[in-house]
Amino acid sequence: MIVTNLLILGKGDTPYSDRNPQRLFEHAQRAGFAVQRYDYHKISTLHDFKGERINIMFFFPYTFWNANCETPKDTGLYGTSAHAYRLLKNFFLNIRDEITHHFLGREVHFVIPPEYAALDRDKIETIEQLQRSGVPTTERIHYHCLQDVLEQITPERGIFIKCRYGAEGKGITLLRDGQWRTNYRIDGNLLANYGVYDRWPFTDITGRQALVKQLMENEVIVEREVLAPDLFHGKKFDARAYVVGKEAPHMFVRINDHEKVVTNFSQGAEVRHHPMTNLPQPYLEVLVTQGVKAAHAMHSQFMGVDMMFDGDETQGRVVEVQTFTDFPHIERFNLAEYLVHNKGNWFV
């Protein structure tokens, strides 16, 4: 009998953020995998595996990130540091080399390739990577000054300014006709950060051009707002597909009031999981097709892909990809169990 080898790397910084790798570890154990789980800095202490093929599953490297990239004493504007992104990118390249050396001569399969593990942290590089593979994305706006951006705002459609290297819904600013809002903290006449574990509430900054100019002096991306079709009584929505290999075994939609800036659950959104999304079949088909295409464009066998629709199902646009996507609640869909029992989809 051939035993499946699985090495799970990464440890959360709270019991909540650690639940997904632990859940996968426990399901793999029960299924008879030869499975080990370590944080990245303990690779040198790994036990050996039997057999030639070793499958590697990355989870987010909280220990490294918290110590080197998003530190409490960081005075820079959140999500605008190319240095932090390069540190994360090089971290995974070094992990690749360490694992390859540790299992020298063995067949090592990375579910998430180390060369692409950090890419989704760079929103500009991500859009360019997706577009090269023909994946529809949000419309990026190029600019030279604030006026170039303001001229793109219409009564119907606003402009998003997002920190280039951010995540978790932090560092977002929306400029609409007559309403500007940001979830950076406002400290007098300056933009600042909330704490690493704080909520990042939105603040009205309508007309405060000096704050927007300050933001645009940093590494940001400017995108045209997507206007969702009226499928949920005038509310905005986005949809996520969980991609595993060539399949999308689960999806959900997040629905929020139009005046809300984002569709995050933390901003009051309603979350509906498949098969209770009430999203028409043509939209679901586009979500799955483009979700799988986006994950493959990022060279990953496992990814969360977020999509919005600009008008109708023919205008689906990938707004974000998540290499280290959160797992759904097990009452909605047990993703860890699915991964273990459908290993052929991602151990390719």
Protein backbone atom coordinates (compact mmCIF):
# COMPACT_ATOMS: atom_id res chain seq x y z
CA MET A 1 0.00 0.00 0.00
CA ILE A 2 1.36 3.40 -1.00
CA VAL A 3 1.17 5.89 1.87
CA THR A 4 0.46 9.57 1.11
CA ASN A 5 3.12 11.87 2.56
CA LEU A 6 2.01 15.33 3.62
CA LEU A 7 4.06 18.05 5.28
CA ILE A 8 2.01 20.97 6.62
CA LEU A 9 4.00 24.14 7.29
CA GLY A 10 2.83 27.19 9.21
CA LYS A 11 1.38 28.02 12.62
CA GLY A 12 -1.24 30.66 13.39
CA ASP A 13 -0.60 33.40 15.92
CA THR A 14 -3.93 32.80 17.67
CA PRO A 15 -6.02 29.65 18.23
CA TYR A 16 -8.42 30.95 15.56
CA SER A 17 -5.74 31.50 12.89
CA ASP A 18 -4.18 28.13 13.75
CA ARG A 19 -7.39 26.13 13.38
CA ASN A 20 -7.13 25.46 9.63
CA PRO A 21 -3.68 23.80 9.49
CA GLN A 22 -4.57 21.86 12.62
CA ARG A 23 -7.88 20.74 11.14
CA LEU A 24 -6.12 19.55 7.96
CA PHE A 25 -3.51 17.74 10.07
CA GLU A 26 -6.16 15.89 12.08
CA HIS A 27 -8.18 14.86 9.03
CA ALA A 28 -5.01 13.66 7.28
CA GLN A 29 -4.05 11.60 10.33
CA ARG A 30 -7.47 9.95 10.46
CA ALA A 31 -7.26 9.16 6.75
CA GLY A 32 -3.96 7.32 7.22
CA PHE A 33 -1.62 9.90 5.70
CA ALA A 34 1.98 10.02 6.84
CA VAL A 35 1.61 13.62 7.98
CA GLN A 36 3.83 16.01 9.87
CA ARG A 37 3.12 19.58 10.93
CA TYR A 38 5.74 22.18 11.83
CA ASP A 39 6.27 25.90 11.82
CA TYR A 40 8.66 27.10 9.13
CA HIS A 41 11.61 27.77 11.41
CA LYS A 42 11.65 24.12 12.56
CA ILE A 43 12.18 22.48 9.17
CA SER A 44 15.60 21.24 10.24
CA THR A 45 13.93 19.06 12.91
CA LEU A 46 11.65 17.21 10.46
CA HIS A 47 11.45 13.45 10.61
CA ASP A 48 12.00 11.57 7.39
CA PHE A 49 9.17 10.29 5.20
CA LYS A 50 9.08 6.90 3.53
CA GLY A 51 8.53 6.83 -0.20
CA GLU A 52 9.75 9.09 -2.97
CA ARG A 53 7.02 11.76 -3.13
CA ILE A 54 6.47 14.38 -0.44
CA ASN A 55 3.58 16.83 -0.70
CA ILE A 56 4.07 20.25 0.91
CA MET A 57 1.14 22.43 2.01
CA PHE A 58 1.92 26.00 3.05
CA PHE A 59 -0.14 28.06 5.47
CA PHE A 60 0.51 31.71 6.22
CA PRO A 61 3.85 32.24 8.04
CA TYR A 62 2.57 34.30 10.97
CA THR A 63 5.72 33.86 13.03
CA PHE A 64 7.93 35.33 10.30
CA TRP A 65 5.41 37.98 9.22
CA ASN A 66 4.78 39.33 12.72
CA ALA A 67 8.49 39.50 13.50
CA ASN A 68 9.66 41.04 10.24
CA CYS A 69 6.90 42.51 8.07
CA GLU A 70 3.95 43.88 10.06
CA THR A 71 5.46 44.87 13.36
CA PRO A 72 3.63 46.87 16.06
CA LYS A 73 6.29 49.62 15.99
CA ASP A 74 6.10 50.10 12.22
CA THR A 75 5.46 53.79 11.51
CA GLY A 76 4.97 53.39 7.76
CA LEU A 77 1.51 53.48 6.24
CA TYR A 78 0.10 49.96 6.31
CA GLY A 79 0.36 47.90 3.13
CA THR A 80 2.64 50.30 1.25
CA SER A 81 6.02 48.72 2.01
CA ALA A 82 7.71 47.04 -0.94
CA HIS A 83 10.42 46.01 1.51
CA ALA A 84 7.97 43.91 3.55
CA TYR A 85 6.73 42.25 0.36
CA ARG A 86 10.27 41.42 -0.76
CA LEU A 87 11.00 39.94 2.65
CA LEU A 88 7.99 37.63 2.34
CA LYS A 89 8.85 36.70 -1.24
CA ASN A 90 12.45 35.85 -0.33
CA PHE A 91 11.25 33.97 2.74
CA PHE A 92 9.40 31.44 0.60
CA LEU A 93 12.32 31.11 -1.81
CA ASN A 94 14.57 30.32 1.13
CA ILE A 95 12.03 27.81 2.44
CA ARG A 96 12.01 26.15 -0.98
CA ASP A 97 15.78 25.79 -0.91
CA GLU A 98 15.78 24.48 2.65
CA ILE A 99 13.11 21.86 1.92
CA THR A 100 14.76 20.79 -1.34
CA HIS A 101 18.05 20.34 0.48
CA HIS A 102 16.41 18.51 3.39
CA PHE A 103 14.75 16.02 1.03
CA LEU A 104 17.56 15.91 -1.49
CA GLY A 105 16.93 13.39 -4.24
CA ARG A 106 13.22 13.01 -3.40
CA GLU A 107 10.20 14.19 -5.41
CA VAL A 108 8.92 17.28 -3.62
CA HIS A 109 5.53 18.63 -4.67
CA PHE A 110 4.49 22.09 -3.52
CA VAL A 111 0.71 22.59 -3.60
CA ILE A 112 1.43 26.32 -3.54
CA PRO A 113 4.66 26.97 -5.47
CA PRO A 114 7.14 28.94 -3.33
CA GLU A 115 7.90 31.23 -6.29
CA TYR A 116 4.27 32.42 -6.27
CA ALA A 117 3.35 32.09 -2.60
CA ALA A 118 3.76 35.81 -1.86
CA LEU A 119 2.48 37.15 -5.18
CA ASP A 120 -1.09 37.90 -4.10
CA ARG A 121 0.31 40.42 -1.62
CA ASP A 122 1.23 42.66 -4.56
CA LYS A 123 -2.04 43.81 -6.08
CA ILE A 124 -0.44 45.30 -9.20
CA GLU A 125 1.67 42.24 -9.99
CA THR A 126 -1.36 40.03 -9.33
CA ILE A 127 -3.54 41.91 -11.82
CA GLU A 128 -0.80 41.76 -14.44
CA GLN A 129 -0.27 38.02 -13.82
CA LEU A 130 -4.00 37.33 -14.18
CA GLN A 131 -4.36 39.46 -17.29
CA ARG A 132 -1.50 37.64 -19.00
CA SER A 133 -3.60 34.48 -18.72
CA GLY A 134 -6.75 36.18 -19.97
CA VAL A 135 -8.47 36.42 -16.59
CA PRO A 136 -10.80 39.44 -16.35
CA THR A 137 -9.85 41.75 -13.49
CA THR A 138 -10.84 45.09 -12.06
CA GLU A 139 -9.97 48.10 -14.19
CA ARG A 140 -6.78 49.76 -13.05
CA ILE A 141 -6.51 53.55 -13.48
CA HIS A 142 -3.14 55.08 -14.27
CA TYR A 143 -2.53 58.59 -12.99
CA HIS A 144 0.04 61.33 -12.58
CA CYS A 145 -1.70 63.40 -9.92
CA LEU A 146 -4.77 63.54 -7.72
CA GLN A 147 -6.74 65.47 -10.33
CA ASP A 148 -6.34 62.57 -12.77
CA VAL A 149 -8.09 60.34 -10.24
CA LEU A 150 -10.82 62.79 -9.27
CA GLU A 151 -11.75 63.26 -12.93
CA GLN A 152 -12.60 59.54 -13.14
CA ILE A 153 -15.36 59.80 -10.52
CA THR A 154 -18.90 59.93 -11.91
CA PRO A 155 -22.28 60.22 -10.16
CA GLU A 156 -22.73 56.48 -10.71
CA ARG A 157 -19.26 55.08 -10.15
CA GLY A 158 -16.49 55.82 -7.70
CA ILE A 159 -12.77 55.07 -7.44
CA PHE A 160 -10.97 52.76 -5.04
CA ILE A 161 -7.48 53.55 -3.78
CA LYS A 162 -5.95 50.49 -2.13
CA CYS A 163 -2.58 49.95 -0.53
CA ARG A 164 -0.54 47.89 -2.96
CA TYR A 165 0.70 45.26 -0.51
CA GLY A 166 -2.19 45.00 1.94
CA ALA A 167 -4.66 42.28 2.90
CA GLU A 168 -7.59 41.56 5.23
CA GLY A 169 -9.56 44.57 4.00
CA LYS A 170 -7.09 47.06 5.50
CA GLY A 171 -5.84 50.21 3.80
CA ILE A 172 -8.86 50.87 1.57
CA THR A 173 -10.16 54.27 0.45
CA LEU A 174 -13.26 54.85 -1.68
CA LEU A 175 -13.90 58.16 -3.43
CA ARG A 176 -17.50 58.55 -4.61
CA ASP A 177 -19.26 61.63 -5.86
CA GLY A 178 -19.87 63.60 -2.66
CA GLN A 179 -18.55 60.92 -0.31
CA TRP A 180 -14.94 59.93 0.46
CA ARG A 181 -14.17 57.27 3.05
CA THR A 182 -11.03 55.51 4.26
CA ASN A 183 -10.25 52.89 6.87
CA TYR A 184 -6.85 54.29 7.68
CA ARG A 185 -6.85 56.01 11.04
CA ILE A 186 -7.00 59.80 10.90
CA ASP A 187 -4.49 61.49 13.19
CA GLY A 188 -5.11 65.23 12.79
CA ASN A 189 -4.10 65.98 9.21
CA LEU A 190 -2.28 62.69 8.67
CA LEU A 191 -3.18 59.14 7.79
CA ALA A 192 -2.07 56.50 10.28
CA ASN A 193 -2.60 52.82 11.07
CA TYR A 194 -4.84 51.03 13.48
CA GLY A 195 -3.30 48.20 15.49
CA VAL A 196 -2.44 44.88 13.90
CA TYR A 197 -5.38 43.14 15.59
CA ASP A 198 -7.77 46.10 15.67
CA ARG A 199 -10.86 46.52 13.55
CA TRP A 200 -10.29 49.04 10.77
CA PRO A 201 -13.48 51.16 10.65
CA PHE A 202 -14.19 53.60 7.83
CA THR A 203 -14.03 57.34 8.43
CA ASP A 204 -15.52 60.12 6.32
CA ILE A 205 -12.81 62.27 4.69
CA THR A 206 -14.95 63.93 2.02
CA GLY A 207 -13.11 66.81 0.36
CA ARG A 208 -9.92 66.37 2.37
CA GLN A 209 -7.58 66.33 -0.60
CA ALA A 210 -4.44 66.61 1.52
CA LEU A 211 -5.16 63.19 3.04
CA VAL A 212 -5.70 61.61 -0.38
CA LYS A 213 -2.52 63.23 -1.72
CA GLN A 214 -0.62 61.80 1.23
CA LEU A 215 -2.00 58.36 0.44
CA MET A 216 -1.06 58.61 -3.23
CA GLU A 217 2.54 59.44 -2.35
CA ASN A 218 2.79 55.82 -1.20
CA GLU A 219 2.62 52.51 -3.05
CA VAL A 220 -1.07 52.23 -3.96
CA ILE A 221 -3.27 50.93 -6.75
CA VAL A 222 -6.24 52.90 -8.12
CA GLU A 223 -9.21 50.95 -9.49
CA ARG A 224 -12.58 51.82 -10.93
CA GLU A 225 -15.49 50.76 -8.73
CA VAL A 226 -17.42 47.69 -9.88
CA LEU A 227 -21.20 48.17 -9.96
CA ALA A 228 -22.94 44.94 -9.05
CA PRO A 229 -26.15 43.94 -10.84
CA ASP A 230 -29.37 44.20 -8.86
CA LEU A 231 -29.72 40.60 -7.74
CA PHE A 232 -30.17 41.23 -4.01
CA HIS A 233 -32.67 44.08 -3.70
CA GLY A 234 -30.25 46.85 -4.59
CA LYS A 235 -27.41 45.61 -2.42
CA LYS A 236 -23.82 45.05 -3.55
CA PHE A 237 -22.22 41.62 -3.43
CA ASP A 238 -19.14 39.62 -4.26
CA ALA A 239 -18.59 35.88 -4.51
CA ARG A 240 -15.75 33.57 -3.54
CA ALA A 241 -14.79 30.26 -5.10
CA TYR A 242 -12.54 27.82 -3.27
CA VAL A 243 -10.39 26.30 -5.99
CA VAL A 244 -8.78 22.89 -5.52
CA GLY A 245 -6.96 21.74 -8.62
CA LYS A 246 -9.45 21.87 -11.49
CA GLU A 247 -12.50 22.00 -9.22
CA ALA A 248 -14.29 24.62 -7.16
CA PRO A 249 -15.96 22.48 -4.48
CA HIS A 250 -17.45 25.37 -2.52
CA MET A 251 -18.41 29.02 -2.89
CA PHE A 252 -20.24 31.75 -1.05
CA VAL A 253 -21.58 35.26 -1.63
CA ARG A 254 -21.27 38.27 0.66
CA ILE A 255 -24.06 40.84 0.46
CA ASN A 256 -23.95 44.34 1.90
CA ASP A 257 -25.71 47.69 1.61
CA HIS A 258 -24.64 49.74 -1.40
CA GLU A 259 -23.36 52.59 0.75
CA LYS A 260 -20.94 50.25 2.52
CA VAL A 261 -17.40 50.41 1.18
CA VAL A 262 -16.63 46.68 1.18
CA THR A 263 -18.47 43.38 1.44
CA ASN A 264 -16.44 42.00 4.35
CA PHE A 265 -18.32 40.22 7.13
CA SER A 266 -16.64 42.62 9.57
CA GLN A 267 -18.47 45.48 7.83
CA GLY A 268 -21.87 43.89 8.39
CA ALA A 269 -22.19 41.77 5.25
CA GLU A 270 -24.54 38.79 5.08
CA VAL A 271 -22.76 35.60 4.00
CA ARG A 272 -24.64 32.92 2.05
CA HIS A 273 -22.92 29.61 1.38
CA HIS A 274 -23.53 27.26 -1.53
CA PRO A 275 -26.08 25.88 -2.31
CA MET A 276 -28.06 28.68 -0.63
CA THR A 277 -26.36 31.63 -2.36
CA ASN A 278 -29.38 32.46 -4.57
CA LEU A 279 -26.86 33.40 -7.24
CA PRO A 280 -28.26 32.52 -10.69
CA GLN A 281 -26.64 29.57 -12.43
CA PRO A 282 -24.93 31.66 -15.18
CA TYR A 283 -23.13 33.64 -12.48
CA LEU A 284 -22.07 30.47 -10.65
CA GLU A 285 -20.67 29.04 -13.86
CA VAL A 286 -18.59 32.15 -14.52
CA LEU A 287 -17.37 32.15 -10.92
CA VAL A 288 -16.17 28.56 -11.18
CA THR A 289 -14.66 28.88 -14.66
CA GLN A 290 -12.79 32.11 -13.99
CA GLY A 291 -11.90 31.05 -10.45
CA VAL A 292 -10.13 27.93 -11.68
CA LYS A 293 -8.49 29.92 -14.45
CA ALA A 294 -7.26 32.53 -11.95
CA ALA A 295 -5.78 29.92 -9.61
CA HIS A 296 -3.94 28.29 -12.50
CA ALA A 297 -2.67 31.70 -13.63
CA MET A 298 -1.12 31.94 -10.17
CA HIS A 299 0.28 28.40 -10.60
CA SER A 300 -1.52 27.19 -7.48
CA GLN A 301 -3.52 24.03 -6.80
CA PHE A 302 -5.31 25.69 -3.89
CA MET A 303 -6.66 29.24 -3.75
CA GLY A 304 -9.58 31.45 -2.79
CA VAL A 305 -10.78 33.63 -5.68
CA ASP A 306 -13.08 36.62 -5.12
CA MET A 307 -15.16 37.93 -8.01
CA MET A 308 -17.58 40.79 -8.61
CA PHE A 309 -19.89 41.26 -11.57
CA ASP A 310 -19.98 44.61 -13.33
CA GLY A 311 -23.50 44.78 -14.69
CA ASP A 312 -24.27 41.14 -15.52
CA GLU A 313 -22.82 37.63 -15.63
CA THR A 314 -20.82 38.41 -18.76
CA GLN A 315 -18.77 40.98 -16.86
CA GLY A 316 -17.35 38.90 -14.04
CA ARG A 317 -14.11 40.40 -12.72
CA VAL A 318 -11.64 38.83 -10.33
CA VAL A 319 -11.10 41.42 -7.60
CA GLU A 320 -8.76 39.43 -5.36
CA VAL A 321 -7.02 36.09 -5.06
CA GLN A 322 -6.02 34.60 -1.73
CA THR A 323 -3.17 32.15 -1.58
CA PHE A 324 -3.76 31.64 2.13
CA THR A 325 -7.53 31.75 2.10
CA ASP A 326 -9.53 31.16 5.24
CA PHE A 327 -11.51 27.92 5.42
CA PRO A 328 -15.32 28.00 5.64
CA HIS A 329 -16.95 27.04 8.91
CA ILE A 330 -17.19 23.25 8.99
CA GLU A 331 -20.99 23.44 9.36
CA ARG A 332 -21.07 25.09 5.93
CA PHE A 333 -18.38 23.06 4.19
CA ASN A 334 -15.59 20.97 5.66
CA LEU A 335 -12.76 22.00 3.35
CA ALA A 336 -10.08 20.09 5.27
CA GLU A 337 -12.07 16.89 4.96
CA TYR A 338 -12.63 17.54 1.26
CA LEU A 339 -8.89 18.05 0.70
CA VAL A 340 -8.04 14.77 2.39
CA HIS A 341 -10.65 12.71 0.55
CA ASN A 342 -9.99 14.34 -2.82
CA LYS A 343 -6.20 14.40 -2.71
CA GLY A 344 -5.97 13.69 -6.43
CA ASN A 345 -7.29 17.18 -7.13
CA TRP A 346 -4.36 18.95 -5.50
CA PHE A 347 -1.57 16.36 -5.27
CA VAL A 348 -0.90 16.57 -9.00
